[in-house]
Amino acid sequence: MIGQDEKMVDLDEFIDKYKPGGMMFRPAPAADIKRQIKQIQNHSKYPLFFAANLESGGNGIISEGTWLGMPMQMAATDNTDAAFQLGNVAGYEANQVGCNMSFAPIVDIDNNFRNPITNTRTYGSDPKRVLKMAQAQRKGLEENHVIPVIKHFPGDGVDERDQHLLSSINSLSAEDWSNTYGHIYKTFIDQGISTIMIGHIYQPAWERKLQKGIADQDLRPASASKLLINGLLRKELGFNGLAMTDATAMVGYNVILPRKELLPATINAGVDMILFNKISMKIIKLSQKLLNLGLSLKNASTKQSHAFLQLKLPKIF
């Protein structure tokens, strides 16, 4: 959930009430971010993830942070050291205030220059360059003990839609997807990437490949698709880490199904962590009600808990 302002809420009460698995902070003065993260981390029973969009530098977490440039600017150098320094500087500055997770590198491919989301946020339209630059950025982050989260599976940048406004569509054939986006994700997975962010993005070709005869109305964006997460990401690509959604306040998520059906669909799809922009007791109570009703969540929630703690345990010691 979104990081809270100590001037607006009692941080200890907030943690006791909502028991979040992590918090995502927007840029604020370094002293404030550091103080709040330290207080929350000390009060929480379990160590929390503290994340930020470290896409262009340390300015993603602290207002005094260094802005190095957008990923496409790094790609224009065709020098992986530029991408490494992007991760290194952002990671160093994030680590100084207790931020331990980066919602980056972005491994989308800028196949469509009209796409309003990817564009300069990507390492460009060449999958090979995207891969090598993202690998370098990952190295820079990890050297500063910041967990990299690659995004947005199954891959943005094909159409002209904005996930914030409606679900977007990766319309590549299964073969073309495997040779581009799939190759990038498979390489990261084979190299041990721990966390992948799931987008509100359709990939119809792979859903149809995994379930012959699936009706159009049964296709789902990845954030609610068991075929794309448990099927494609986990079984086909071999991912055994933490899968988290992109922000679920986006319209691209909420237009899929009614909320009472959407949350269990997301959990059953293989998602381990749900990213909320806003949190309320209404959502908490709905989630608890669904669990109490036993809507096929028992085995899924146990598996998710194991993945969640497996990534957190190294942070305890």
C-alpha atoms as a PDB file:
ATOM      1  CA  MET A   1       0.000   0.000   0.000  1.00  0.00           C
ATOM      2  CA  ILE A   2       1.009   3.623  -0.316  1.00  0.00           C
ATOM      3  CA  GLY A   3       3.389   4.916   2.357  1.00  0.00           C
ATOM      4  CA  GLN A   4       1.678   6.977   5.020  1.00  0.00           C
ATOM      5  CA  ASP A   5       2.520  10.468   6.262  1.00  0.00           C
ATOM      6  CA  GLU A   6       3.274  10.594   9.978  1.00  0.00           C
ATOM      7  CA  LYS A   7       1.605  14.009  10.095  1.00  0.00           C
ATOM      8  CA  MET A   8      -1.672  12.490   8.924  1.00  0.00           C
ATOM      9  CA  VAL A   9      -1.811   9.104  10.668  1.00  0.00           C
ATOM     10  CA  ASP A  10      -0.370   7.344  13.695  1.00  0.00           C
ATOM     11  CA  LEU A  11       2.085   4.987  11.996  1.00  0.00           C
ATOM     12  CA  ASP A  12       2.073   2.357  14.753  1.00  0.00           C
ATOM     13  CA  GLU A  13      -1.723   2.222  14.800  1.00  0.00           C
ATOM     14  CA  PHE A  14      -1.786   2.014  11.007  1.00  0.00           C
ATOM     15  CA  ILE A  15       0.557  -1.001  10.984  1.00  0.00           C
ATOM     16  CA  ASP A  16      -1.396  -2.715  13.773  1.00  0.00           C
ATOM     17  CA  LYS A  17      -4.689  -2.146  11.962  1.00  0.00           C
ATOM     18  CA  TYR A  18      -3.803  -3.077   8.385  1.00  0.00           C
ATOM     19  CA  LYS A  19      -0.722  -5.318   8.806  1.00  0.00           C
ATOM     20  CA  PRO A  20       0.673  -4.567   5.332  1.00  0.00           C
ATOM     21  CA  GLY A  21       3.302  -6.721   3.707  1.00  0.00           C
ATOM     22  CA  GLY A  22       4.982  -3.662   2.285  1.00  0.00           C
ATOM     23  CA  MET A  23       4.626   0.024   1.504  1.00  0.00           C
ATOM     24  CA  MET A  24       5.387   2.031  -1.606  1.00  0.00           C
ATOM     25  CA  PHE A  25       6.642   5.574  -1.079  1.00  0.00           C
ATOM     26  CA  ARG A  26       6.446   8.599  -3.322  1.00  0.00           C
ATOM     27  CA  PRO A  27       9.354  11.078  -3.168  1.00  0.00           C
ATOM     28  CA  ALA A  28       9.665  13.129   0.032  1.00  0.00           C
ATOM     29  CA  PRO A  29      12.533  14.669   2.033  1.00  0.00           C
ATOM     30  CA  ALA A  30      15.141  12.046   2.889  1.00  0.00           C
ATOM     31  CA  ALA A  31      15.019  12.709   6.635  1.00  0.00           C
ATOM     32  CA  ASP A  32      11.244  12.176   6.694  1.00  0.00           C
ATOM     33  CA  ILE A  33      11.359   8.977   4.621  1.00  0.00           C
ATOM     34  CA  LYS A  34      14.190   7.523   6.699  1.00  0.00           C
ATOM     35  CA  ARG A  35      12.513   8.309  10.009  1.00  0.00           C
ATOM     36  CA  GLN A  36       9.142   6.877   8.980  1.00  0.00           C
ATOM     37  CA  ILE A  37      10.575   3.700   7.462  1.00  0.00           C
ATOM     38  CA  LYS A  38      12.665   3.090  10.566  1.00  0.00           C
ATOM     39  CA  GLN A  39       9.668   3.543  12.850  1.00  0.00           C
ATOM     40  CA  ILE A  40       7.436   1.277  10.777  1.00  0.00           C
ATOM     41  CA  GLN A  41      10.091  -1.405  10.365  1.00  0.00           C
ATOM     42  CA  ASN A  42      10.799  -1.425  14.110  1.00  0.00           C
ATOM     43  CA  HIS A  43       7.107  -1.663  14.985  1.00  0.00           C
ATOM     44  CA  SER A  44       6.094  -4.342  12.477  1.00  0.00           C
ATOM     45  CA  LYS A  45       6.133  -7.976  13.577  1.00  0.00           C
ATOM     46  CA  TYR A  46       7.697  -8.961  10.252  1.00  0.00           C
ATOM     47  CA  PRO A  47      10.129  -6.942   8.104  1.00  0.00           C
ATOM     48  CA  LEU A  48       8.323  -4.992   5.399  1.00  0.00           C
ATOM     49  CA  PHE A  49       9.156  -4.274   1.814  1.00  0.00           C
ATOM     50  CA  PHE A  50       9.625  -0.543   1.255  1.00  0.00           C
ATOM     51  CA  ALA A  51       9.415   0.153  -2.463  1.00  0.00           C
ATOM     52  CA  ALA A  52       9.679   3.079  -4.842  1.00  0.00           C
ATOM     53  CA  ASN A  53       9.680   3.691  -8.583  1.00  0.00           C
ATOM     54  CA  LEU A  54      13.462   3.881  -8.981  1.00  0.00           C
ATOM     55  CA  GLU A  55      13.154   4.126 -12.743  1.00  0.00           C
ATOM     56  CA  SER A  56      15.323   7.186 -13.402  1.00  0.00           C
ATOM     57  CA  GLY A  57      17.371   7.595 -10.226  1.00  0.00           C
ATOM     58  CA  GLY A  58      17.185   8.154  -6.491  1.00  0.00           C
ATOM     59  CA  ASN A  59      14.641  10.910  -7.090  1.00  0.00           C
ATOM     60  CA  GLY A  60      12.083   8.101  -7.148  1.00  0.00           C
ATOM     61  CA  ILE A  61      12.250   7.832  -3.338  1.00  0.00           C
ATOM     62  CA  ILE A  62      13.679  11.115  -1.988  1.00  0.00           C
ATOM     63  CA  SER A  63      13.063  14.637  -3.233  1.00  0.00           C
ATOM     64  CA  GLU A  64      16.808  15.403  -2.990  1.00  0.00           C
ATOM     65  CA  GLY A  65      17.627  12.251  -4.946  1.00  0.00           C
ATOM     66  CA  THR A  66      19.755  12.166  -8.074  1.00  0.00           C
ATOM     67  CA  TRP A  67      17.966  12.132 -11.424  1.00  0.00           C
ATOM     68  CA  LEU A  68      20.197  10.351 -13.928  1.00  0.00           C
ATOM     69  CA  GLY A  69      17.829  10.070 -16.854  1.00  0.00           C
ATOM     70  CA  MET A  70      15.061   7.964 -18.330  1.00  0.00           C
ATOM     71  CA  PRO A  71      15.835   4.392 -19.403  1.00  0.00           C
ATOM     72  CA  MET A  72      15.615   5.350 -23.077  1.00  0.00           C
ATOM     73  CA  GLN A  73      18.318   7.957 -22.511  1.00  0.00           C
ATOM     74  CA  MET A  74      20.511   5.255 -20.991  1.00  0.00           C
ATOM     75  CA  ALA A  75      19.763   3.004 -23.962  1.00  0.00           C
ATOM     76  CA  ALA A  76      20.778   5.765 -26.374  1.00  0.00           C
ATOM     77  CA  THR A  77      24.336   5.478 -25.071  1.00  0.00           C
ATOM     78  CA  ASP A  78      24.370   1.760 -25.948  1.00  0.00           C
ATOM     79  CA  ASN A  79      26.637   1.464 -22.919  1.00  0.00           C
ATOM     80  CA  THR A  80      25.510  -0.894 -20.182  1.00  0.00           C
ATOM     81  CA  ASP A  81      27.557   1.058 -17.635  1.00  0.00           C
ATOM     82  CA  ALA A  82      25.014   3.886 -17.958  1.00  0.00           C
ATOM     83  CA  ALA A  83      22.230   1.487 -16.958  1.00  0.00           C
ATOM     84  CA  PHE A  84      24.378   0.039 -14.175  1.00  0.00           C
ATOM     85  CA  GLN A  85      24.923   3.516 -12.747  1.00  0.00           C
ATOM     86  CA  LEU A  86      21.194   4.143 -12.975  1.00  0.00           C
ATOM     87  CA  GLY A  87      20.646   1.181 -10.682  1.00  0.00           C
ATOM     88  CA  ASN A  88      23.720   1.836  -8.582  1.00  0.00           C
ATOM     89  CA  VAL A  89      22.993   5.474  -7.743  1.00  0.00           C
ATOM     90  CA  ALA A  90      19.273   4.881  -7.243  1.00  0.00           C
ATOM     91  CA  GLY A  91      20.003   1.829  -5.129  1.00  0.00           C
ATOM     92  CA  TYR A  92      22.586   3.619  -2.984  1.00  0.00           C
ATOM     93  CA  GLU A  93      20.300   6.561  -2.251  1.00  0.00           C
ATOM     94  CA  ALA A  94      17.317   4.301  -1.591  1.00  0.00           C
ATOM     95  CA  ASN A  95      19.321   2.096   0.745  1.00  0.00           C
ATOM     96  CA  GLN A  96      20.379   5.120   2.808  1.00  0.00           C
ATOM     97  CA  VAL A  97      16.778   5.754   3.857  1.00  0.00           C
ATOM     98  CA  GLY A  98      15.716   2.119   4.274  1.00  0.00           C
ATOM     99  CA  CYS A  99      14.032   1.551   0.911  1.00  0.00           C
ATOM    100  CA  ASN A 100      14.719  -2.100   0.038  1.00  0.00           C
ATOM    101  CA  MET A 101      12.721  -2.676  -3.152  1.00  0.00           C
ATOM    102  CA  SER A 102      12.670  -1.044  -6.588  1.00  0.00           C
ATOM    103  CA  PHE A 103       9.720  -1.182  -8.969  1.00  0.00           C
ATOM    104  CA  ALA A 104      12.265  -1.349 -11.783  1.00  0.00           C
ATOM    105  CA  PRO A 105      13.885  -2.307 -14.131  1.00  0.00           C
ATOM    106  CA  ILE A 106      11.190  -1.869 -16.745  1.00  0.00           C
ATOM    107  CA  VAL A 107      11.572  -4.672 -19.291  1.00  0.00           C
ATOM    108  CA  ASP A 108       8.753  -3.591 -21.599  1.00  0.00           C
ATOM    109  CA  ILE A 109       9.583  -3.125 -25.277  1.00  0.00           C
ATOM    110  CA  ASP A 110       8.705   0.108 -27.072  1.00  0.00           C
ATOM    111  CA  ASN A 111       7.111  -1.554 -30.089  1.00  0.00           C
ATOM    112  CA  ASN A 112       4.601   1.268 -30.531  1.00  0.00           C
ATOM    113  CA  PHE A 113       5.838   4.838 -30.138  1.00  0.00           C
ATOM    114  CA  ARG A 114       2.245   5.948 -29.504  1.00  0.00           C
ATOM    115  CA  ASN A 115       2.029   3.882 -26.318  1.00  0.00           C
ATOM    116  CA  PRO A 116       1.516   6.405 -23.495  1.00  0.00           C
ATOM    117  CA  ILE A 117       3.060   4.213 -20.776  1.00  0.00           C
ATOM    118  CA  THR A 118       6.229   2.682 -22.197  1.00  0.00           C
ATOM    119  CA  ASN A 119       7.826   5.259 -24.481  1.00  0.00           C
ATOM    120  CA  THR A 120      10.868   6.839 -22.768  1.00  0.00           C
ATOM    121  CA  ARG A 121      10.369   4.638 -19.681  1.00  0.00           C
ATOM    122  CA  THR A 122      11.704   1.665 -21.648  1.00  0.00           C
ATOM    123  CA  TYR A 123      15.144   0.794 -22.973  1.00  0.00           C
ATOM    124  CA  GLY A 124      13.751   1.044 -26.491  1.00  0.00           C
ATOM    125  CA  SER A 125      12.452  -1.217 -29.225  1.00  0.00           C
ATOM    126  CA  ASP A 126      15.365  -3.672 -29.522  1.00  0.00           C
ATOM    127  CA  PRO A 127      14.706  -6.662 -27.212  1.00  0.00           C
ATOM    128  CA  LYS A 128      18.423  -7.461 -26.995  1.00  0.00           C
ATOM    129  CA  ARG A 129      19.249  -3.944 -25.840  1.00  0.00           C
ATOM    130  CA  VAL A 130      16.321  -3.952 -23.410  1.00  0.00           C
ATOM    131  CA  LEU A 131      17.642  -7.156 -21.872  1.00  0.00           C
ATOM    132  CA  LYS A 132      21.274  -6.143 -21.501  1.00  0.00           C
ATOM    133  CA  MET A 133      20.467  -2.689 -20.121  1.00  0.00           C
ATOM    134  CA  ALA A 134      17.909  -4.049 -17.658  1.00  0.00           C
ATOM    135  CA  GLN A 135      20.398  -6.675 -16.505  1.00  0.00           C
ATOM    136  CA  ALA A 136      22.930  -3.946 -15.793  1.00  0.00           C
ATOM    137  CA  GLN A 137      20.388  -1.853 -13.882  1.00  0.00           C
ATOM    138  CA  ARG A 138      19.453  -4.905 -11.839  1.00  0.00           C
ATOM    139  CA  LYS A 139      23.095  -5.454 -10.916  1.00  0.00           C
ATOM    140  CA  GLY A 140      23.415  -1.864  -9.711  1.00  0.00           C
ATOM    141  CA  LEU A 141      20.343  -2.177  -7.509  1.00  0.00           C
ATOM    142  CA  GLU A 142      21.345  -5.523  -6.025  1.00  0.00           C
ATOM    143  CA  GLU A 143      24.843  -4.308  -5.177  1.00  0.00           C
ATOM    144  CA  ASN A 144      23.091  -1.836  -2.877  1.00  0.00           C
ATOM    145  CA  HIS A 145      20.835  -4.479  -1.299  1.00  0.00           C
ATOM    146  CA  VAL A 146      17.719  -3.287  -3.120  1.00  0.00           C
ATOM    147  CA  ILE A 147      15.392  -5.948  -4.545  1.00  0.00           C
ATOM    148  CA  PRO A 148      14.700  -5.356  -8.256  1.00  0.00           C
ATOM    149  CA  VAL A 149      11.158  -5.935  -9.527  1.00  0.00           C
ATOM    150  CA  ILE A 150      10.954  -6.365 -13.293  1.00  0.00           C
ATOM    151  CA  LYS A 151       7.714  -5.206 -14.926  1.00  0.00           C
ATOM    152  CA  HIS A 152       5.078  -5.303 -16.475  1.00  0.00           C
ATOM    153  CA  PHE A 153       4.437  -8.997 -17.277  1.00  0.00           C
ATOM    154  CA  PRO A 154       3.416 -10.139 -19.888  1.00  0.00           C
ATOM    155  CA  GLY A 155       4.764  -6.965 -21.462  1.00  0.00           C
ATOM    156  CA  ASP A 156       3.548  -3.486 -22.358  1.00  0.00           C
ATOM    157  CA  GLY A 157       4.364  -1.436 -25.434  1.00  0.00           C
ATOM    158  CA  VAL A 158       2.459  -3.194 -28.203  1.00  0.00           C
ATOM    159  CA  ASP A 159      -0.811  -1.253 -28.305  1.00  0.00           C
ATOM    160  CA  GLU A 160      -1.783   2.365 -27.582  1.00  0.00           C
ATOM    161  CA  ARG A 161      -3.735   1.802 -24.383  1.00  0.00           C
ATOM    162  CA  ASP A 162      -3.022   3.034 -20.871  1.00  0.00           C
ATOM    163  CA  GLN A 163      -3.489   0.493 -18.045  1.00  0.00           C
ATOM    164  CA  HIS A 164      -4.520   3.332 -15.769  1.00  0.00           C
ATOM    165  CA  LEU A 165      -7.600   3.875 -17.938  1.00  0.00           C
ATOM    166  CA  LEU A 166      -8.361   0.415 -19.365  1.00  0.00           C
ATOM    167  CA  SER A 167      -6.749  -2.991 -19.745  1.00  0.00           C
ATOM    168  CA  SER A 168      -4.076  -3.036 -22.432  1.00  0.00           C
ATOM    169  CA  ILE A 169      -3.373  -5.807 -24.931  1.00  0.00           C
ATOM    170  CA  ASN A 170      -0.168  -7.526 -25.948  1.00  0.00           C
ATOM    171  CA  SER A 171      -1.396  -8.871 -29.291  1.00  0.00           C
ATOM    172  CA  LEU A 172       1.761 -10.692 -30.393  1.00  0.00           C
ATOM    173  CA  SER A 173       1.505 -14.304 -31.495  1.00  0.00           C
ATOM    174  CA  ALA A 174       2.677 -16.864 -28.953  1.00  0.00           C
ATOM    175  CA  GLU A 175       5.834 -17.449 -31.017  1.00  0.00           C
ATOM    176  CA  ASP A 176       6.649 -13.759 -31.425  1.00  0.00           C
ATOM    177  CA  TRP A 177       6.000 -13.167 -27.724  1.00  0.00           C
ATOM    178  CA  SER A 178       8.327 -16.029 -26.771  1.00  0.00           C
ATOM    179  CA  ASN A 179      11.097 -14.667 -28.984  1.00  0.00           C
ATOM    180  CA  THR A 180      10.891 -11.163 -27.504  1.00  0.00           C
ATOM    181  CA  TYR A 181       9.173 -10.540 -24.168  1.00  0.00           C
ATOM    182  CA  GLY A 182       9.295 -14.212 -23.279  1.00  0.00           C
ATOM    183  CA  HIS A 183      13.035 -14.410 -23.927  1.00  0.00           C
ATOM    184  CA  ILE A 184      13.642 -11.418 -21.648  1.00  0.00           C
ATOM    185  CA  TYR A 185      11.571 -12.859 -18.804  1.00  0.00           C
ATOM    186  CA  LYS A 186      13.003 -16.356 -19.227  1.00  0.00           C
ATOM    187  CA  THR A 187      16.557 -14.998 -19.082  1.00  0.00           C
ATOM    188  CA  PHE A 188      15.861 -13.051 -15.886  1.00  0.00           C
ATOM    189  CA  ILE A 189      14.134 -16.068 -14.344  1.00  0.00           C
ATOM    190  CA  ASP A 190      17.054 -18.356 -15.202  1.00  0.00           C
ATOM    191  CA  GLN A 191      19.339 -15.770 -13.593  1.00  0.00           C
ATOM    192  CA  GLY A 192      17.324 -15.877 -10.366  1.00  0.00           C
ATOM    193  CA  ILE A 193      15.136 -12.782 -10.424  1.00  0.00           C
ATOM    194  CA  SER A 194      13.054 -12.887  -7.248  1.00  0.00           C
ATOM    195  CA  THR A 195      10.104 -10.611  -8.025  1.00  0.00           C
ATOM    196  CA  ILE A 196       7.964  -9.832 -11.061  1.00  0.00           C
ATOM    197  CA  MET A 197       5.199  -7.238 -11.318  1.00  0.00           C
ATOM    198  CA  ILE A 198       2.084  -8.403 -13.152  1.00  0.00           C
ATOM    199  CA  GLY A 199       0.375  -5.881 -15.419  1.00  0.00           C
ATOM    200  CA  HIS A 200      -3.294  -5.463 -16.280  1.00  0.00           C
ATOM    201  CA  ILE A 201      -2.380  -6.657 -19.757  1.00  0.00           C
ATOM    202  CA  TYR A 202      -3.984  -9.278 -21.988  1.00  0.00           C
ATOM    203  CA  GLN A 203      -1.917 -11.809 -23.939  1.00  0.00           C
ATOM    204  CA  PRO A 204      -4.656 -13.638 -25.879  1.00  0.00           C
ATOM    205  CA  ALA A 205      -2.378 -15.826 -27.997  1.00  0.00           C
ATOM    206  CA  TRP A 206      -0.842 -17.560 -24.992  1.00  0.00           C
ATOM    207  CA  GLU A 207      -4.152 -17.985 -23.186  1.00  0.00           C
ATOM    208  CA  ARG A 208      -5.540 -19.634 -26.310  1.00  0.00           C
ATOM    209  CA  LYS A 209      -2.448 -21.815 -26.608  1.00  0.00           C
ATOM    210  CA  LEU A 210      -2.736 -22.980 -23.007  1.00  0.00           C
ATOM    211  CA  GLN A 211      -6.516 -23.516 -23.145  1.00  0.00           C
ATOM    212  CA  LYS A 212      -7.779 -24.572 -26.532  1.00  0.00           C
ATOM    213  CA  GLY A 213     -11.162 -23.153 -27.423  1.00  0.00           C
ATOM    214  CA  ILE A 214     -11.274 -20.549 -24.663  1.00  0.00           C
ATOM    215  CA  ALA A 215     -14.048 -18.054 -25.368  1.00  0.00           C
ATOM    216  CA  ASP A 216     -13.178 -14.414 -25.928  1.00  0.00           C
ATOM    217  CA  GLN A 217     -15.211 -13.364 -22.881  1.00  0.00           C
ATOM    218  CA  ASP A 218     -13.114 -15.670 -20.697  1.00  0.00           C
ATOM    219  CA  LEU A 219      -9.811 -14.068 -21.635  1.00  0.00           C
ATOM    220  CA  ARG A 220      -8.280 -12.134 -18.735  1.00  0.00           C
ATOM    221  CA  PRO A 221      -5.508  -9.592 -18.221  1.00  0.00           C
ATOM    222  CA  ALA A 222      -2.527 -11.215 -16.534  1.00  0.00           C
ATOM    223  CA  SER A 223      -3.382  -9.770 -13.106  1.00  0.00           C
ATOM    224  CA  ALA A 224      -6.431 -12.049 -13.004  1.00  0.00           C
ATOM    225  CA  SER A 225      -5.357 -14.830 -15.357  1.00  0.00           C
ATOM    226  CA  LYS A 226      -4.426 -18.247 -13.999  1.00  0.00           C
ATOM    227  CA  LEU A 227      -3.365 -19.198 -17.502  1.00  0.00           C
ATOM    228  CA  LEU A 228      -0.857 -16.374 -17.765  1.00  0.00           C
ATOM    229  CA  ILE A 229       0.552 -16.521 -14.222  1.00  0.00           C
ATOM    230  CA  ASN A 230       0.402 -20.154 -13.095  1.00  0.00           C
ATOM    231  CA  GLY A 231       0.451 -21.389 -16.669  1.00  0.00           C
ATOM    232  CA  LEU A 232       2.807 -19.192 -18.676  1.00  0.00           C
ATOM    233  CA  LEU A 233       4.930 -17.476 -16.024  1.00  0.00           C
ATOM    234  CA  ARG A 234       5.315 -20.335 -13.570  1.00  0.00           C
ATOM    235  CA  LYS A 235       5.010 -23.560 -15.570  1.00  0.00           C
ATOM    236  CA  GLU A 236       6.266 -22.530 -19.005  1.00  0.00           C
ATOM    237  CA  LEU A 237       8.947 -20.044 -17.892  1.00  0.00           C
ATOM    238  CA  GLY A 238       9.771 -21.679 -14.554  1.00  0.00           C
ATOM    239  CA  PHE A 239       9.296 -18.688 -12.265  1.00  0.00           C
ATOM    240  CA  ASN A 240       9.168 -19.641  -8.580  1.00  0.00           C
ATOM    241  CA  GLY A 241       9.455 -16.208  -6.982  1.00  0.00           C
ATOM    242  CA  LEU A 242       7.133 -13.465  -5.795  1.00  0.00           C
ATOM    243  CA  ALA A 243       4.460 -12.282  -8.257  1.00  0.00           C
ATOM    244  CA  MET A 244       2.830  -8.963  -7.370  1.00  0.00           C
ATOM    245  CA  THR A 245       0.190  -6.987  -9.191  1.00  0.00           C
ATOM    246  CA  ASP A 246       0.582  -3.515 -10.532  1.00  0.00           C
ATOM    247  CA  ALA A 247      -1.564  -0.957  -8.685  1.00  0.00           C
ATOM    248  CA  THR A 248      -5.101  -2.294  -8.352  1.00  0.00           C
ATOM    249  CA  ALA A 249      -6.665   1.151  -8.256  1.00  0.00           C
ATOM    250  CA  MET A 250      -6.110   1.315 -12.006  1.00  0.00           C
ATOM    251  CA  VAL A 251      -9.228   1.143 -14.136  1.00  0.00           C
ATOM    252  CA  GLY A 252      -7.462  -1.484 -16.227  1.00  0.00           C
ATOM    253  CA  TYR A 253      -7.796  -3.821 -13.246  1.00  0.00           C
ATOM    254  CA  ASN A 254     -11.221  -2.882 -11.993  1.00  0.00           C
ATOM    255  CA  VAL A 255     -13.073  -3.303 -15.296  1.00  0.00           C
ATOM    256  CA  ILE A 256     -12.260  -7.014 -15.463  1.00  0.00           C
ATOM    257  CA  LEU A 257     -14.798  -8.389 -12.975  1.00  0.00           C
ATOM    258  CA  PRO A 258     -16.851  -7.277  -9.960  1.00  0.00           C
ATOM    259  CA  ARG A 259     -14.518  -6.706  -7.000  1.00  0.00           C
ATOM    260  CA  LYS A 260     -15.889  -9.651  -5.013  1.00  0.00           C
ATOM    261  CA  GLU A 261     -14.949 -11.949  -7.907  1.00  0.00           C
ATOM    262  CA  LEU A 262     -11.783 -10.126  -8.905  1.00  0.00           C
ATOM    263  CA  LEU A 263      -9.822 -10.474  -5.657  1.00  0.00           C
ATOM    264  CA  PRO A 264     -10.151 -14.276  -5.418  1.00  0.00           C
ATOM    265  CA  ALA A 265      -9.495 -14.565  -9.167  1.00  0.00           C
ATOM    266  CA  THR A 266      -6.254 -12.651  -8.685  1.00  0.00           C
ATOM    267  CA  ILE A 267      -5.136 -14.806  -5.759  1.00  0.00           C
ATOM    268  CA  ASN A 268      -6.081 -18.047  -7.509  1.00  0.00           C
ATOM    269  CA  ALA A 269      -4.254 -16.875 -10.624  1.00  0.00           C
ATOM    270  CA  GLY A 270      -0.988 -17.217  -8.716  1.00  0.00           C
ATOM    271  CA  VAL A 271      -0.429 -13.674  -7.422  1.00  0.00           C
ATOM    272  CA  ASP A 272       1.425 -13.487  -4.105  1.00  0.00           C
ATOM    273  CA  MET A 273       1.041  -9.797  -3.324  1.00  0.00           C
ATOM    274  CA  ILE A 274      -1.641  -7.275  -4.275  1.00  0.00           C
ATOM    275  CA  LEU A 275      -0.605  -3.654  -4.685  1.00  0.00           C
ATOM    276  CA  PHE A 276      -3.204  -1.204  -3.397  1.00  0.00           C
ATOM    277  CA  ASN A 277      -2.988   2.550  -3.978  1.00  0.00           C
ATOM    278  CA  LYS A 278      -5.576   2.998  -1.291  1.00  0.00           C
ATOM    279  CA  ILE A 279      -6.595   0.760   1.567  1.00  0.00           C
ATOM    280  CA  SER A 280      -9.810   0.629   3.541  1.00  0.00           C
ATOM    281  CA  MET A 281     -11.496  -1.612   6.039  1.00  0.00           C
ATOM    282  CA  LYS A 282     -14.055  -2.321   3.325  1.00  0.00           C
ATOM    283  CA  ILE A 283     -11.371  -4.045   1.234  1.00  0.00           C
ATOM    284  CA  ILE A 284      -9.918  -5.793   4.279  1.00  0.00           C
ATOM    285  CA  LYS A 285     -13.315  -7.110   5.330  1.00  0.00           C
ATOM    286  CA  LEU A 286     -14.100  -8.241   1.780  1.00  0.00           C
ATOM    287  CA  SER A 287     -10.830 -10.174   1.617  1.00  0.00           C
ATOM    288  CA  GLN A 288     -11.480 -11.755   5.019  1.00  0.00           C
ATOM    289  CA  LYS A 289     -15.025 -12.658   4.005  1.00  0.00           C
ATOM    290  CA  LEU A 290     -13.804 -14.321   0.841  1.00  0.00           C
ATOM    291  CA  LEU A 291     -11.232 -16.315   2.786  1.00  0.00           C
ATOM    292  CA  ASN A 292     -13.845 -17.335   5.358  1.00  0.00           C
ATOM    293  CA  LEU A 293     -16.136 -18.487   2.586  1.00  0.00           C
ATOM    294  CA  GLY A 294     -13.302 -20.667   1.307  1.00  0.00           C
ATOM    295  CA  LEU A 295     -13.539 -19.638  -2.329  1.00  0.00           C
ATOM    296  CA  SER A 296     -10.767 -22.044  -3.430  1.00  0.00           C
ATOM    297  CA  LEU A 297      -8.223 -19.864  -1.671  1.00  0.00           C
ATOM    298  CA  LYS A 298      -6.838 -22.158   1.027  1.00  0.00           C
ATOM    299  CA  ASN A 299      -4.103 -23.854  -0.960  1.00  0.00           C
ATOM    300  CA  ALA A 300      -3.345 -20.719  -2.946  1.00  0.00           C
ATOM    301  CA  SER A 301      -2.979 -18.503   0.117  1.00  0.00           C
ATOM    302  CA  THR A 302      -0.630 -21.010   1.789  1.00  0.00           C
ATOM    303  CA  LYS A 303       1.612 -21.092  -1.277  1.00  0.00           C
ATOM    304  CA  GLN A 304       1.588 -17.295  -1.503  1.00  0.00           C
ATOM    305  CA  SER A 305       2.584 -16.970   2.152  1.00  0.00           C
ATOM    306  CA  HIS A 306       5.565 -19.267   1.630  1.00  0.00           C
ATOM    307  CA  ALA A 307       6.773 -17.255  -1.383  1.00  0.00           C
ATOM    308  CA  PHE A 308       6.281 -14.028   0.538  1.00  0.00           C
ATOM    309  CA  LEU A 309       8.277 -15.122   3.595  1.00  0.00           C
ATOM    310  CA  GLN A 310      10.982 -16.784   1.494  1.00  0.00           C
ATOM    311  CA  LEU A 311      11.854 -13.419  -0.035  1.00  0.00           C
ATOM    312  CA  LYS A 312      11.645 -11.631   3.317  1.00  0.00           C
ATOM    313  CA  LEU A 313      13.685 -14.047   5.437  1.00  0.00           C
ATOM    314  CA  PRO A 314      17.080 -12.854   4.153  1.00  0.00           C
ATOM    315  CA  LYS A 315      16.086  -9.370   5.288  1.00  0.00           C
ATOM    316  CA  ILE A 316      15.643 -10.541   8.887  1.00  0.00           C
ATOM    317  CA  PHE A 317      19.170 -11.766   9.464  1.00  0.00           C
END
